[in-house]
Structures are given as structure tokens and as C-alpha cells.
């Protein structure tokens, strides 16, 4: 039996190496790839994988739109107009 280091990720325990990859993907705002990787490595269904990723994001204060906006939105431009 191999002793694999585990970590708590969202509401699931997974191998530490997988968790580190998932964290990197989520911090790069690549949630879809994180969900795909989680499903491939654990066999859980799509809804459960999304819930795990969402739970992790909530626990760590990551909001939905982590990437900064480039320039002003059309709404901001209209207000100044």
C-alpha cells in the first residue's frame, strides 16, 4: 500500500499533487479546466466537481471574476459621456 499525501480541497480529500494543480488552475481563472482535471482524476460527476471547485473558491475568498478588467467597460464609458 502506497501512502499518498492528501489534502482537503473544497469538500473533498484528494492527493496533494492534484490539489496543487487545481489551485493553480483556479487562481489562473481556469475553472473549467480545474473541473475537468478533478473529474478525470476522481471519477466524480460534473455537478459534484463544480460544487467542489465552488466550495474551494468560497472557502478561500475567490470571487467569480478574479481577472482584472482591461480598460473601461461600455457602461463606464457611457456614464462619462
Protein backbone atom coordinates (compact mmCIF):
# COMPACT_ATOMS: atom_id res chain seq x y z
CA UNK A 1 0.00 0.00 0.00
CA UNK A 2 1.34 3.41 -1.02
CA UNK A 3 0.96 6.32 1.37
CA UNK A 4 -0.11 9.31 -0.76
CA UNK A 5 -0.18 12.72 0.93
CA UNK A 6 -3.75 14.02 0.91
CA UNK A 7 -5.21 17.49 1.26
CA UNK A 8 -8.62 18.97 1.92
CA UNK A 9 -9.94 20.63 -1.23
CA UNK A 10 -13.37 22.21 -1.05
CA UNK A 11 -15.48 19.45 0.47
CA UNK A 12 -13.30 16.55 -0.70
CA UNK A 13 -9.99 14.93 0.22
CA UNK A 14 -7.68 14.48 -2.78
CA UNK A 15 -3.97 13.76 -3.39
CA UNK A 16 -1.85 16.81 -2.60
CA UNK A 17 -0.28 16.90 -6.08
CA UNK A 18 -3.72 17.05 -7.72
CA UNK A 19 -4.83 19.74 -5.28
CA UNK A 20 -1.84 21.92 -6.09
CA UNK A 21 -2.62 21.65 -9.82
CA UNK A 22 -6.27 22.54 -9.19
CA UNK A 23 -5.35 25.54 -7.07
CA UNK A 24 -3.07 26.85 -9.80
CA UNK A 25 -5.81 26.47 -12.42
CA UNK A 26 -8.40 28.20 -10.25
CA UNK A 27 -6.06 31.07 -9.42
CA UNK A 28 -5.44 31.48 -13.16
CA UNK A 29 -9.23 31.74 -13.55
CA UNK A 30 -9.36 28.44 -15.46
CA UNK A 31 -12.24 26.88 -13.54
CA UNK A 32 -13.43 24.68 -16.44
CA UNK A 33 -10.03 23.01 -16.77
CA UNK A 34 -9.92 22.51 -12.99
CA UNK A 35 -13.31 20.79 -13.07
CA UNK A 36 -12.21 18.58 -15.98
CA UNK A 37 -9.00 17.58 -14.19
CA UNK A 38 -10.87 16.86 -10.96
CA UNK A 39 -13.39 14.64 -12.80
CA UNK A 40 -10.68 12.72 -14.66
CA UNK A 41 -8.73 12.00 -11.51
CA UNK A 42 -11.56 11.23 -9.09
CA UNK A 43 -14.40 9.91 -11.24
CA UNK A 44 -16.96 12.23 -9.72
CA UNK A 45 -19.78 13.65 -11.83
CA UNK A 46 -19.86 17.14 -13.35
CA UNK A 47 -22.17 18.72 -10.77
CA UNK A 48 -20.15 17.35 -7.86
CA UNK A 49 -16.87 18.52 -9.39
CA UNK A 50 -18.28 22.02 -9.91
CA UNK A 51 -19.53 22.05 -6.32
CA UNK A 52 -16.06 21.07 -5.04
CA UNK A 53 -14.41 23.87 -7.04
CA UNK A 54 -17.06 26.40 -5.94
CA UNK A 55 -16.65 25.31 -2.31
CA UNK A 56 -12.88 25.79 -2.55
CA UNK A 57 -13.33 29.25 -4.08
CA UNK A 58 -15.78 30.25 -1.33
CA UNK A 59 -13.52 28.96 1.47
CA UNK A 60 -10.59 30.93 0.06
CA UNK A 61 -12.38 34.17 -0.78
CA UNK A 62 -12.04 33.84 -4.55
CA UNK A 63 -14.85 35.59 -6.38
CA UNK A 64 -16.26 34.70 -9.78
CA UNK A 65 -14.41 37.40 -11.74
CA UNK A 66 -10.90 37.30 -10.36
CA UNK A 67 -9.24 38.58 -13.53
CA UNK A 68 -8.98 42.37 -13.65
CA UNK A 69 -10.90 44.16 -16.35
CA UNK A 70 -8.87 45.74 -19.11
CA UNK A 71 -9.86 49.30 -19.81
CA UNK A 72 -13.26 50.72 -19.05
CA UNK A 73 -16.49 48.86 -19.59
CA UNK A 74 -19.05 50.24 -22.03
CA UNK A 75 -21.17 51.20 -19.02
CA UNK A 76 -18.33 53.29 -17.55
CA UNK A 77 -17.80 54.98 -20.92
CA UNK A 78 -21.49 55.86 -21.22
CA UNK A 79 -21.58 57.40 -17.74
CA UNK A 80 -18.78 59.83 -18.64
CA UNK A 81 -20.43 60.62 -21.96
